[in-house]
C-alpha atoms as a PDB file:
ATOM      1  CA  MET A   1     -79.192  22.383   9.245  1.00  0.00           C
ATOM      2  CA  MET A   2     -75.262  21.792   9.498  1.00  0.00           C
ATOM      3  CA  ARG A   3     -75.992  19.613  12.528  1.00  0.00           C
ATOM      4  CA  SER A   4     -78.219  17.279  10.378  1.00  0.00           C
ATOM      5  CA  HIS A   5     -75.667  17.306   7.422  1.00  0.00           C
ATOM      6  CA  LEU A   6     -73.287  16.035   9.954  1.00  0.00           C
ATOM      7  CA  LYS A   7     -75.730  13.480  11.432  1.00  0.00           C
ATOM      8  CA  VAL A   8     -76.566  12.509   7.992  1.00  0.00           C
ATOM      9  CA  ALA A   9     -72.761  12.218   6.775  1.00  0.00           C
ATOM     10  CA  ALA A  10     -71.758  10.535  10.127  1.00  0.00           C
ATOM     11  CA  ALA A  11     -74.342   8.138   9.750  1.00  0.00           C
ATOM     12  CA  LEU A  12     -73.211   7.731   5.856  1.00  0.00           C
ATOM     13  CA  GLY A  13     -70.020   7.348   7.088  1.00  0.00           C
ATOM     14  CA  LEU A  14     -70.568   4.663   9.757  1.00  0.00           C
ATOM     15  CA  GLY A  15     -72.871   2.984   7.176  1.00  0.00           C
ATOM     16  CA  LEU A  16     -69.801   3.280   4.743  1.00  0.00           C
ATOM     17  CA  GLY A  17     -67.610   1.753   7.454  1.00  0.00           C
ATOM     18  CA  LEU A  18     -69.893  -1.188   8.175  1.00  0.00           C
ATOM     19  CA  THR A  19     -70.281  -1.769   4.456  1.00  0.00           C
ATOM     20  CA  SER A  20     -66.373  -2.275   4.463  1.00  0.00           C
ATOM     21  CA  CYS A  21     -66.012  -4.128   7.416  1.00  0.00           C
ATOM     22  CA  ALA A  22     -68.627  -6.509   6.379  1.00  0.00           C
ATOM     23  CA  SER A  23     -66.912  -6.961   2.868  1.00  0.00           C
ATOM     24  CA  LEU A  24     -63.584  -7.081   4.457  1.00  0.00           C
ATOM     25  CA  THR A  25     -65.064 -10.140   6.576  1.00  0.00           C
ATOM     26  CA  LYS A  26     -66.827 -11.721   3.521  1.00  0.00           C
ATOM     27  CA  GLY A  27     -63.286 -11.491   1.944  1.00  0.00           C
ATOM     28  CA  LEU A  28     -61.234 -12.925   4.798  1.00  0.00           C
ATOM     29  CA  LYS A  29     -63.832 -15.953   5.009  1.00  0.00           C
ATOM     30  CA  ALA A  30     -63.655 -16.444   1.180  1.00  0.00           C
ATOM     31  CA  ALA A  31     -59.633 -16.481   1.360  1.00  0.00           C
ATOM     32  CA  LYS A  32     -59.856 -18.838   4.242  1.00  0.00           C
ATOM     33  CA  LEU A  33     -62.042 -20.917   2.411  1.00  0.00           C
ATOM     34  CA  GLY A  34     -60.154 -20.797  -0.628  1.00  0.00           C
ATOM     35  CA  GLY A  35     -56.686 -21.785   1.408  1.00  0.00           C
ATOM     36  CA  ASP A  36     -58.689 -24.775   3.011  1.00  0.00           C
ATOM     37  CA  ALA A  37     -59.800 -26.047  -0.260  1.00  0.00           C
ATOM     38  CA  ASP A  38     -56.159 -25.544  -1.711  1.00  0.00           C
ATOM     39  CA  ARG A  39     -54.891 -27.515   1.386  1.00  0.00           C
ATOM     40  CA  LEU A  40     -57.031 -30.407   1.130  1.00  0.00           C
ATOM     41  CA  VAL A  41     -56.397 -30.613  -2.674  1.00  0.00           C
ATOM     42  CA  ALA A  42     -52.813 -30.694  -1.850  1.00  0.00           C
ATOM     43  CA  VAL A  43     -53.619 -33.404   1.156  1.00  0.00           C
ATOM     44  CA  SER A  44     -55.562 -35.678  -1.595  1.00  0.00           C
ATOM     45  CA  GLU A  45     -52.332 -35.283  -4.073  1.00  0.00           C
ATOM     46  CA  ASN A  46     -49.868 -36.123  -1.276  1.00  0.00           C
ATOM     47  CA  THR A  47     -51.813 -39.167   0.202  1.00  0.00           C
ATOM     48  CA  GLN A  48     -52.218 -40.535  -3.443  1.00  0.00           C
ATOM     49  CA  LYS A  49     -48.275 -40.194  -3.671  1.00  0.00           C
ATOM     50  CA  CYS A  50     -47.795 -42.110  -0.325  1.00  0.00           C
ATOM     51  CA  ASP A  51     -49.645 -44.979  -2.503  1.00  0.00           C
ATOM     52  CA  LYS A  52     -46.511 -45.389  -4.360  1.00  0.00           C
ATOM     53  CA  LEU A  53     -44.601 -46.596  -0.987  1.00  0.00           C
ATOM     54  CA  GLY A  54     -46.703 -49.727  -1.246  1.00  0.00           C
ATOM     55  CA  ALA A  55     -44.888 -51.023  -4.262  1.00  0.00           C
ATOM     56  CA  GLU A  56     -42.277 -53.734  -3.697  1.00  0.00           C
ATOM     57  CA  PRO A  57     -38.943 -52.804  -2.454  1.00  0.00           C
ATOM     58  CA  ALA A  58     -35.830 -52.947  -4.031  1.00  0.00           C
ATOM     59  CA  ILE A  59     -33.471 -55.840  -3.113  1.00  0.00           C
ATOM     60  CA  GLN A  60     -31.108 -53.634  -1.086  1.00  0.00           C
ATOM     61  CA  GLU A  61     -34.361 -51.801   0.525  1.00  0.00           C
ATOM     62  CA  GLU A  62     -35.194 -55.679   1.530  1.00  0.00           C
ATOM     63  CA  TYR A  63     -31.695 -56.593   3.016  1.00  0.00           C
ATOM     64  CA  ALA A  64     -31.516 -53.333   4.984  1.00  0.00           C
ATOM     65  CA  LEU A  65     -35.108 -54.146   6.483  1.00  0.00           C
ATOM     66  CA  GLY A  66     -34.185 -57.733   7.045  1.00  0.00           C
ATOM     67  CA  SER A  67     -30.814 -56.983   8.931  1.00  0.00           C
ATOM     68  CA  ALA A  68     -32.675 -54.476  11.484  1.00  0.00           C
ATOM     69  CA  LEU A  69     -35.483 -57.016  11.995  1.00  0.00           C
ATOM     70  CA  ALA A  70     -32.919 -59.715  12.264  1.00  0.00           C
ATOM     71  CA  ILE A  71     -31.397 -57.868  15.022  1.00  0.00           C
ATOM     72  CA  GLN A  72     -34.530 -57.024  16.921  1.00  0.00           C
ATOM     73  CA  TRP A  73     -35.510 -60.817  16.970  1.00  0.00           C
ATOM     74  CA  VAL A  74     -31.942 -61.878  18.307  1.00  0.00           C
ATOM     75  CA  GLN A  75     -32.262 -59.205  21.206  1.00  0.00           C
ATOM     76  CA  ARG A  76     -35.557 -60.514  21.928  1.00  0.00           C
ATOM     77  CA  GLY A  77     -34.791 -63.937  22.049  1.00  0.00           C
ATOM     78  CA  GLY A  78     -31.595 -63.926  24.655  1.00  0.00           C
ATOM     79  CA  GLY A  79     -28.855 -63.720  21.834  1.00  0.00           C
ATOM     80  CA  LEU A  80     -27.767 -66.558  19.283  1.00  0.00           C
ATOM     81  CA  MET A  81     -26.999 -69.916  20.807  1.00  0.00           C
ATOM     82  CA  LEU A  82     -23.204 -70.034  19.592  1.00  0.00           C
ATOM     83  CA  ALA A  83     -21.372 -70.024  22.915  1.00  0.00           C
ATOM     84  CA  THR A  84     -20.256 -74.014  23.223  1.00  0.00           C
ATOM     85  CA  ALA A  85     -18.892 -75.697  20.707  1.00  0.00           C
ATOM     86  CA  THR A  86     -22.002 -77.947  20.826  1.00  0.00           C
ATOM     87  CA  ASP A  87     -24.259 -74.958  20.191  1.00  0.00           C
ATOM     88  CA  GLN A  88     -22.090 -74.069  17.077  1.00  0.00           C
ATOM     89  CA  GLN A  89     -22.551 -77.444  15.714  1.00  0.00           C
ATOM     90  CA  LEU A  90     -26.367 -77.546  16.197  1.00  0.00           C
ATOM     91  CA  THR A  91     -26.221 -74.294  14.377  1.00  0.00           C
ATOM     92  CA  THR A  92     -24.335 -75.496  11.308  1.00  0.00           C
ATOM     93  CA  TYR A  93     -26.621 -78.375  11.381  1.00  0.00           C
ATOM     94  CA  VAL A  94     -29.748 -76.224  11.310  1.00  0.00           C
ATOM     95  CA  ASN A  95     -28.665 -74.046   8.086  1.00  0.00           C
ATOM     96  CA  THR A  96     -27.533 -77.287   6.227  1.00  0.00           C
ATOM     97  CA  VAL A  97     -31.059 -78.351   6.482  1.00  0.00           C
ATOM     98  CA  GLY A  98     -32.262 -74.862   5.801  1.00  0.00           C
ATOM     99  CA  ARG A  99     -30.363 -73.965   3.192  1.00  0.00           C
ATOM    100  CA  ASN A 100     -31.421 -77.304   1.316  1.00  0.00           C
ATOM    101  CA  LEU A 101     -34.796 -76.377   1.864  1.00  0.00           C
ATOM    102  CA  ALA A 102     -34.115 -72.574   0.895  1.00  0.00           C
ATOM    103  CA  MET A 103     -32.763 -74.354  -2.667  1.00  0.00           C
ATOM    104  CA  GLN A 104     -36.038 -75.450  -3.482  1.00  0.00           C
ATOM    105  CA  SER A 105     -37.545 -72.228  -3.233  1.00  0.00           C
ATOM    106  CA  PRO A 106     -38.408 -69.542  -5.903  1.00  0.00           C
ATOM    107  CA  ARG A 107     -35.796 -67.518  -4.359  1.00  0.00           C
ATOM    108  CA  PRO A 108     -32.589 -69.692  -3.788  1.00  0.00           C
ATOM    109  CA  THR A 109     -30.261 -66.829  -4.464  1.00  0.00           C
ATOM    110  CA  LEU A 110     -31.157 -64.758  -1.038  1.00  0.00           C
ATOM    111  CA  GLN A 111     -28.472 -64.636   1.541  1.00  0.00           C
ATOM    112  CA  TRP A 112     -29.921 -67.430   3.329  1.00  0.00           C
ATOM    113  CA  THR A 113     -29.072 -67.061   7.263  1.00  0.00           C
ATOM    114  CA  PHE A 114     -30.402 -69.831   9.875  1.00  0.00           C
ATOM    115  CA  GLY A 115     -29.680 -69.092  13.505  1.00  0.00           C
ATOM    116  CA  VAL A 116     -30.826 -70.431  16.852  1.00  0.00           C
ATOM    117  CA  LEU A 117     -31.843 -68.170  19.619  1.00  0.00           C
ATOM    118  CA  ASN A 118     -31.418 -68.864  23.383  1.00  0.00           C
ATOM    119  CA  ASP A 119     -34.791 -68.220  24.395  1.00  0.00           C
ATOM    120  CA  THR A 120     -36.047 -71.528  26.604  1.00  0.00           C
ATOM    121  CA  ARG A 121     -39.757 -70.364  26.910  1.00  0.00           C
ATOM    122  CA  ASN A 122     -41.090 -69.727  23.487  1.00  0.00           C
ATOM    123  CA  PHE A 123     -41.689 -72.745  21.313  1.00  0.00           C
ATOM    124  CA  ASN A 124     -41.127 -70.435  18.215  1.00  0.00           C
ATOM    125  CA  GLY A 125     -39.639 -69.531  14.587  1.00  0.00           C
ATOM    126  CA  LEU A 126     -39.244 -66.191  13.266  1.00  0.00           C
ATOM    127  CA  SER A 127     -38.391 -64.741   9.872  1.00  0.00           C
ATOM    128  CA  ALA A 128     -37.369 -61.406   8.273  1.00  0.00           C
ATOM    129  CA  PRO A 129     -36.824 -60.643   4.438  1.00  0.00           C
ATOM    130  CA  GLY A 130     -33.804 -61.193   2.830  1.00  0.00           C
ATOM    131  CA  GLY A 131     -33.292 -64.578   3.983  1.00  0.00           C
ATOM    132  CA  TYR A 132     -33.071 -64.672   7.842  1.00  0.00           C
ATOM    133  CA  VAL A 133     -35.004 -67.379   9.632  1.00  0.00           C
ATOM    134  CA  PHE A 134     -34.599 -68.356  13.363  1.00  0.00           C
ATOM    135  CA  VAL A 135     -36.106 -71.029  15.607  1.00  0.00           C
ATOM    136  CA  THR A 136     -35.775 -71.031  19.582  1.00  0.00           C
ATOM    137  CA  ARG A 137     -33.958 -73.406  21.413  1.00  0.00           C
ATOM    138  CA  LYS A 138     -37.138 -74.539  23.065  1.00  0.00           C
ATOM    139  CA  LEU A 139     -38.330 -75.536  19.665  1.00  0.00           C
ATOM    140  CA  LEU A 140     -35.201 -77.325  19.252  1.00  0.00           C
ATOM    141  CA  GLN A 141     -36.247 -79.202  22.502  1.00  0.00           C
ATOM    142  CA  GLY A 142     -39.831 -80.059  21.066  1.00  0.00           C
ATOM    143  CA  VAL A 143     -38.922 -81.309  17.703  1.00  0.00           C
ATOM    144  CA  ASP A 144     -38.699 -85.295  17.355  1.00  0.00           C
ATOM    145  CA  ASN A 145     -36.884 -85.733  14.229  1.00  0.00           C
ATOM    146  CA  GLU A 146     -35.639 -83.841  11.545  1.00  0.00           C
ATOM    147  CA  GLY A 147     -38.360 -83.779   9.526  1.00  0.00           C
ATOM    148  CA  GLN A 148     -40.645 -81.607  11.916  1.00  0.00           C
ATOM    149  CA  LEU A 149     -37.655 -79.113  12.219  1.00  0.00           C
ATOM    150  CA  ALA A 150     -37.389 -79.224   8.390  1.00  0.00           C
ATOM    151  CA  GLY A 151     -41.136 -78.285   8.332  1.00  0.00           C
ATOM    152  CA  VAL A 152     -40.776 -75.520  10.669  1.00  0.00           C
ATOM    153  CA  LEU A 153     -37.716 -73.779   8.708  1.00  0.00           C
ATOM    154  CA  ALA A 154     -39.843 -74.189   5.596  1.00  0.00           C
ATOM    155  CA  HIS A 155     -42.674 -72.601   6.715  1.00  0.00           C
ATOM    156  CA  GLU A 156     -40.467 -69.416   7.577  1.00  0.00           C
ATOM    157  CA  ILE A 157     -38.604 -69.519   4.337  1.00  0.00           C
ATOM    158  CA  ALA A 158     -42.008 -69.693   2.414  1.00  0.00           C
ATOM    159  CA  HIS A 159     -43.168 -66.445   4.503  1.00  0.00           C
ATOM    160  CA  ILE A 160     -39.818 -64.670   3.086  1.00  0.00           C
ATOM    161  CA  VAL A 161     -40.102 -66.212  -0.264  1.00  0.00           C
ATOM    162  CA  LEU A 162     -44.001 -64.979  -0.541  1.00  0.00           C
ATOM    163  CA  LYS A 163     -42.896 -61.670   1.160  1.00  0.00           C
ATOM    164  CA  HIS A 164     -45.402 -61.664   3.600  1.00  0.00           C
ATOM    165  CA  ALA A 165     -43.307 -59.087   6.230  1.00  0.00           C
ATOM    166  CA  LEU A 166     -42.702 -56.955   2.887  1.00  0.00           C
ATOM    167  CA  HIS A 167     -46.086 -56.427   2.894  1.00  0.00           C
ATOM    168  CA  GLN A 168     -46.615 -55.651   6.321  1.00  0.00           C
ATOM    169  CA  TYR A 169     -43.821 -53.351   6.039  1.00  0.00           C
ATOM    170  CA  ALA A 170     -45.372 -51.492   2.876  1.00  0.00           C
ATOM    171  CA  SER A 171     -48.389 -51.007   4.886  1.00  0.00           C
ATOM    172  CA  VAL A 172     -46.212 -49.211   7.935  1.00  0.00           C
ATOM    173  CA  LYS A 173     -44.725 -47.038   4.888  1.00  0.00           C
ATOM    174  CA  VAL A 174     -47.797 -45.697   3.276  1.00  0.00           C
ATOM    175  CA  SER A 175     -49.589 -45.295   6.895  1.00  0.00           C
ATOM    176  CA  SER A 176     -46.928 -43.402   8.105  1.00  0.00           C
ATOM    177  CA  CYS A 177     -46.669 -40.891   5.163  1.00  0.00           C
ATOM    178  CA  LYS A 178     -50.623 -40.274   4.793  1.00  0.00           C
ATOM    179  CA  GLY A 179     -50.455 -39.580   8.805  1.00  0.00           C
ATOM    180  CA  ALA A 180     -47.610 -36.972   8.338  1.00  0.00           C
ATOM    181  CA  VAL A 181     -49.624 -35.696   5.233  1.00  0.00           C
ATOM    182  CA  VAL A 182     -53.247 -35.670   6.740  1.00  0.00           C
ATOM    183  CA  GLY A 183     -51.586 -34.295  10.287  1.00  0.00           C
ATOM    184  CA  ASN A 184     -49.882 -31.604   8.104  1.00  0.00           C
ATOM    185  CA  ALA A 185     -47.157 -32.513   9.919  1.00  0.00           C
ATOM    186  CA  LEU A 186     -44.079 -33.184   7.932  1.00  0.00           C
ATOM    187  CA  VAL A 187     -41.837 -32.354  10.953  1.00  0.00           C
ATOM    188  CA  SER A 188     -39.662 -35.290  11.530  1.00  0.00           C
ATOM    189  CA  ALA A 189     -37.185 -35.650   8.890  1.00  0.00           C
ATOM    190  CA  ALA A 190     -38.463 -39.396   8.572  1.00  0.00           C
ATOM    191  CA  ALA A 191     -41.846 -38.416   7.327  1.00  0.00           C
ATOM    192  CA  GLY A 192     -40.372 -35.835   4.928  1.00  0.00           C
ATOM    193  CA  ARG A 193     -38.085 -38.500   3.771  1.00  0.00           C
ATOM    194  CA  LEU A 194     -40.844 -40.823   2.950  1.00  0.00           C
ATOM    195  CA  LEU A 195     -43.025 -38.268   1.249  1.00  0.00           C
ATOM    196  CA  SER A 196     -39.979 -37.502  -1.139  1.00  0.00           C
ATOM    197  CA  ALA A 197     -39.928 -40.813  -1.957  1.00  0.00           C
ATOM    198  CA  SER A 198     -43.209 -40.853  -2.817  1.00  0.00           C
ATOM    199  CA  ASP A 199     -42.636 -38.277  -5.630  1.00  0.00           C
ATOM    200  CA  ARG A 200     -40.178 -40.655  -6.967  1.00  0.00           C
ATOM    201  CA  ASP A 201     -40.614 -44.307  -7.504  1.00  0.00           C
ATOM    202  CA  GLY A 202     -41.205 -45.269  -3.536  1.00  0.00           C
ATOM    203  CA  LYS A 203     -37.662 -47.121  -3.274  1.00  0.00           C
ATOM    204  CA  LEU A 204     -35.944 -45.896  -0.284  1.00  0.00           C
ATOM    205  CA  ASP A 205     -32.293 -46.112   0.706  1.00  0.00           C
ATOM    206  CA  LEU A 206     -32.670 -47.283   3.968  1.00  0.00           C
ATOM    207  CA  ASP A 207     -28.654 -47.830   4.406  1.00  0.00           C
ATOM    208  CA  SER A 208     -28.086 -44.623   3.997  1.00  0.00           C
ATOM    209  CA  ASP A 209     -30.838 -43.194   6.496  1.00  0.00           C
ATOM    210  CA  THR A 210     -30.387 -44.875   9.837  1.00  0.00           C
ATOM    211  CA  GLY A 211     -32.901 -42.784  11.325  1.00  0.00           C
ATOM    212  CA  LEU A 212     -35.595 -43.647   8.838  1.00  0.00           C
ATOM    213  CA  LEU A 213     -34.679 -47.214   9.042  1.00  0.00           C
ATOM    214  CA  ALA A 214     -35.042 -47.324  12.873  1.00  0.00           C
ATOM    215  CA  ASP A 215     -38.203 -45.559  12.548  1.00  0.00           C
ATOM    216  CA  LEU A 216     -39.773 -48.149  10.133  1.00  0.00           C
ATOM    217  CA  THR A 217     -38.071 -51.171  11.705  1.00  0.00           C
ATOM    218  CA  GLU A 218     -39.890 -50.380  15.106  1.00  0.00           C
ATOM    219  CA  LYS A 219     -43.527 -50.018  13.602  1.00  0.00           C
ATOM    220  CA  THR A 220     -42.795 -53.305  11.345  1.00  0.00           C
ATOM    221  CA  VAL A 221     -42.021 -55.093  14.650  1.00  0.00           C
ATOM    222  CA  GLU A 222     -44.751 -53.827  16.219  1.00  0.00           C
ATOM    223  CA  LEU A 223     -47.206 -55.188  13.349  1.00  0.00           C
ATOM    224  CA  ALA A 224     -45.413 -58.362  12.811  1.00  0.00           C
ATOM    225  CA  GLY A 225     -45.811 -58.947  16.477  1.00  0.00           C
ATOM    226  CA  LYS A 226     -49.764 -59.300  15.499  1.00  0.00           C
ATOM    227  CA  GLY A 227     -48.913 -62.064  13.476  1.00  0.00           C
ATOM    228  CA  HIS A 228     -49.936 -62.719   9.529  1.00  0.00           C
ATOM    229  CA  ARG A 229     -53.218 -63.113   8.411  1.00  0.00           C
ATOM    230  CA  LYS A 230     -54.850 -66.612   8.732  1.00  0.00           C
ATOM    231  CA  GLU A 231     -54.585 -66.667   4.592  1.00  0.00           C
ATOM    232  CA  GLU A 232     -50.997 -65.694   4.635  1.00  0.00           C
ATOM    233  CA  GLU A 233     -50.073 -68.754   7.302  1.00  0.00           C
ATOM    234  CA  LEU A 234     -51.929 -71.263   5.300  1.00  0.00           C
ATOM    235  CA  GLU A 235     -50.468 -70.154   2.051  1.00  0.00           C
ATOM    236  CA  ALA A 236     -47.107 -70.595   3.921  1.00  0.00           C
ATOM    237  CA  ASP A 237     -48.038 -74.037   5.012  1.00  0.00           C
ATOM    238  CA  ARG A 238     -48.653 -74.993   1.329  1.00  0.00           C
ATOM    239  CA  LEU A 239     -45.446 -73.749   0.104  1.00  0.00           C
ATOM    240  CA  ALA A 240     -43.625 -75.345   3.119  1.00  0.00           C
ATOM    241  CA  VAL A 241     -44.769 -78.736   1.955  1.00  0.00           C
ATOM    242  CA  GLU A 242     -43.682 -78.301  -1.443  1.00  0.00           C
ATOM    243  CA  LEU A 243     -40.317 -77.204  -0.148  1.00  0.00           C
ATOM    244  CA  MET A 244     -40.261 -80.593   1.853  1.00  0.00           C
ATOM    245  CA  LEU A 245     -41.062 -82.456  -0.868  1.00  0.00           C
ATOM    246  CA  GLY A 246     -38.451 -80.939  -2.992  1.00  0.00           C
ATOM    247  CA  ALA A 247     -35.861 -81.753  -0.116  1.00  0.00           C
ATOM    248  CA  GLY A 248     -37.003 -85.011   0.228  1.00  0.00           C
ATOM    249  CA  TYR A 249     -38.871 -84.897   3.109  1.00  0.00           C
ATOM    250  CA  ASP A 250     -41.882 -86.674   4.260  1.00  0.00           C
ATOM    251  CA  PRO A 251     -44.289 -83.565   5.007  1.00  0.00           C
ATOM    252  CA  GLU A 252     -46.186 -85.889   7.315  1.00  0.00           C
ATOM    253  CA  ALA A 253     -43.506 -85.119  10.012  1.00  0.00           C
ATOM    254  CA  TYR A 254     -44.646 -81.571   9.908  1.00  0.00           C
ATOM    255  CA  ARG A 255     -48.500 -82.618  10.163  1.00  0.00           C
ATOM    256  CA  GLN A 256     -47.738 -84.613  13.221  1.00  0.00           C
ATOM    257  CA  LEU A 257     -45.789 -81.821  14.943  1.00  0.00           C
ATOM    258  CA  ILE A 258     -48.466 -79.481  14.238  1.00  0.00           C
ATOM    259  CA  ALA A 259     -50.651 -81.979  15.284  1.00  0.00           C
ATOM    260  CA  LYS A 260     -49.464 -82.574  18.919  1.00  0.00           C
ATOM    261  CA  THR A 261     -49.127 -78.673  19.681  1.00  0.00           C
ATOM    262  CA  PRO A 262     -51.797 -77.122  21.100  1.00  0.00           C
ATOM    263  CA  ASP A 263     -53.807 -74.360  19.270  1.00  0.00           C
ATOM    264  CA  GLY A 264     -52.825 -70.836  20.439  1.00  0.00           C
ATOM    265  CA  GLY A 265     -49.094 -71.424  21.898  1.00  0.00           C
ATOM    266  CA  GLY A 266     -45.714 -70.381  20.812  1.00  0.00           C
ATOM    267  CA  PHE A 267     -44.844 -70.724  17.100  1.00  0.00           C
ATOM    268  CA  PHE A 268     -48.589 -71.455  16.656  1.00  0.00           C
ATOM    269  CA  ALA A 269     -50.073 -68.342  18.656  1.00  0.00           C
ATOM    270  CA  ASN A 270     -51.328 -66.367  15.314  1.00  0.00           C
ATOM    271  CA  HIS A 271     -51.961 -69.330  13.338  1.00  0.00           C
ATOM    272  CA  PRO A 272     -55.152 -70.777  12.073  1.00  0.00           C
ATOM    273  CA  LYS A 273     -56.568 -74.041  14.129  1.00  0.00           C
ATOM    274  CA  ARG A 274     -54.366 -76.965  13.628  1.00  0.00           C
ATOM    275  CA  ASP A 275     -57.396 -79.275  12.831  1.00  0.00           C
ATOM    276  CA  GLU A 276     -57.570 -76.960   9.855  1.00  0.00           C
ATOM    277  CA  ARG A 277     -53.647 -76.890   9.113  1.00  0.00           C
ATOM    278  CA  THR A 278     -53.335 -80.642   9.472  1.00  0.00           C
ATOM    279  CA  LYS A 279     -55.693 -81.191   7.027  1.00  0.00           C
ATOM    280  CA  GLN A 280     -54.905 -78.787   4.237  1.00  0.00           C
ATOM    281  CA  ILE A 281     -51.129 -80.387   4.817  1.00  0.00           C
ATOM    282  CA  SER A 282     -52.332 -83.619   3.903  1.00  0.00           C
ATOM    283  CA  LYS A 283     -54.752 -82.450   1.094  1.00  0.00           C
ATOM    284  CA  VAL A 284     -51.674 -80.717  -0.433  1.00  0.00           C
ATOM    285  CA  VAL A 285     -49.925 -83.935  -0.487  1.00  0.00           C
ATOM    286  CA  LEU A 286     -52.565 -85.659  -2.467  1.00  0.00           C
ATOM    287  CA  ALA A 287     -52.955 -82.859  -4.717  1.00  0.00           C
ATOM    288  CA  GLN A 288     -49.091 -83.040  -5.473  1.00  0.00           C
ATOM    289  CA  LYS A 289     -49.389 -86.841  -5.667  1.00  0.00           C
ATOM    290  CA  ALA A 290     -52.326 -86.460  -8.247  1.00  0.00           C
ATOM    291  CA  GLY A 291     -51.188 -83.663 -10.156  1.00  0.00           C
ATOM    292  CA  ALA A 292     -49.127 -83.101 -13.600  1.00  0.00           C
ATOM    293  CA  ASP A 293     -46.651 -80.858 -12.021  1.00  0.00           C
ATOM    294  CA  THR A 294     -43.009 -81.038 -10.177  1.00  0.00           C
ATOM    295  CA  PHE A 295     -44.254 -83.736  -8.137  1.00  0.00           C
ATOM    296  CA  ALA A 296     -46.071 -85.739 -10.692  1.00  0.00           C
ATOM    297  CA  GLU A 297     -46.720 -89.442  -9.895  1.00  0.00           C
ATOM    298  CA  LEU A 298     -45.124 -88.557  -6.498  1.00  0.00           C
ATOM    299  CA  SER A 299     -44.336 -91.995  -4.295  1.00  0.00           C
ATOM    300  CA  THR A 300     -43.709 -91.208  -0.399  1.00  0.00           C
ATOM    301  CA  ASP A 301     -42.221 -94.327  -0.117  1.00  0.00           C
ATOM    302  CA  SER A 302     -38.503 -92.401  -1.069  1.00  0.00           C
ATOM    303  CA  LEU A 303     -39.417 -89.775   1.348  1.00  0.00           C
ATOM    304  CA  GLN A 304     -37.400 -89.499   4.391  1.00  0.00           C
ATOM    305  CA  THR A 305     -37.979 -88.184   7.776  1.00  0.00           C
ATOM    306  CA  PRO A 306     -34.051 -88.644   9.292  1.00  0.00           C
ATOM    307  CA  ALA A 307     -33.639 -88.937  12.988  1.00  0.00           C
ATOM    308  CA  LEU A 308     -31.838 -85.732  14.842  1.00  0.00           C
ATOM    309  CA  PRO A 309     -28.138 -85.746  15.235  1.00  0.00           C
ATOM    310  CA  ALA A 310     -26.384 -86.587  18.589  1.00  0.00           C
ATOM    311  CA  SER A 311     -25.846 -83.140  19.332  1.00  0.00           C
ATOM    312  CA  PHE A 312     -29.541 -82.511  19.996  1.00  0.00           C
ATOM    313  CA  ALA A 313     -29.474 -85.348  23.193  1.00  0.00           C
ATOM    314  CA  ALA A 314     -28.085 -82.578  25.261  1.00  0.00           C
ATOM    315  CA  VAL A 315     -30.485 -79.918  24.453  1.00  0.00           C
ATOM    316  CA  LYS A 316     -33.594 -82.303  24.898  1.00  0.00           C
ATOM    317  CA  ALA A 317     -32.116 -83.819  28.239  1.00  0.00           C
ATOM    318  CA  THR A 318     -31.149 -80.339  29.966  1.00  0.00           C
ATOM    319  CA  GLY A 319     -32.355 -77.737  27.710  1.00  0.00           C
ATOM    320  CA  VAL A 320     -28.785 -76.226  27.578  1.00  0.00           C
ATOM    321  CA  ALA A 321     -26.733 -77.402  25.053  1.00  0.00           C
ATOM    322  CA  LYS A 322     -23.423 -78.498  26.508  1.00  0.00           C
ATOM    323  CA  ASP A 323     -19.844 -79.375  24.721  1.00  0.00           C
ATOM    324  CA  ALA A 324     -19.219 -82.821  23.808  1.00  0.00           C
ATOM    325  CA  LYS A 325     -16.420 -84.640  25.696  1.00  0.00           C
END
């Protein structure tokens, strides 16, 4: 009887143990599920906070990013063309033309700076937030008159005024922040500071955080290398025409430059097809002439397409600017 009792007790005890283990397992699973749910809620909340980083940056943040991007363009473009007296004359000339155009824009008070890159291989124009605009030595060799140069500069000015690079930068900030949150990997200080900024107003102090600035600049350069969207390029062309008209240039010169340049090369590598662009430029000029706005009753008779200065002769002849004797 005792043995039977012990067997029953043992069986009951074993049963109780099994029951307790089962209960514990269920409890652990419930706790894990609860933890996962809490984490999902936290991730959702934090990713929503990351969206704040898509807000338009303060001017100090724009200047910090623009300066860092400008350094990248200069380094990749073989440095600035400043070695000789003729180089410096050309740079001064490009700044004169560029600043005249920039003064016609909705952002005339930016610290507009224009430079020529030593790149002799790529027919290109580049820009960075804050007012940095560059053209390559190869581009200077390829323009026929000041109007064509003005068109390229106006197009790059337009990208800055319309904040196209800042849109790319905003997407970099948001995606970097969300990537850190979803990966539960706020292991980098940069990611942590991004999320911290998203808790506030989304603004960043890049001047005091060189690590974050370097990280965001690298990612923005990578994205910028893919080019702007077609709609942004056409938008920049439209504003470029208006800037040229405001400065007294005939946009026909810019249209001719686009028409003579093959699709998919250099400055036009990521742009819409040239036929589409040239048609739009003509259309914008006609619309401005017929409109009732700034250029109402516009007459192209007074518009100019000035010749290039004598200092261009050396660049066009050899591809290398030489000092005038």
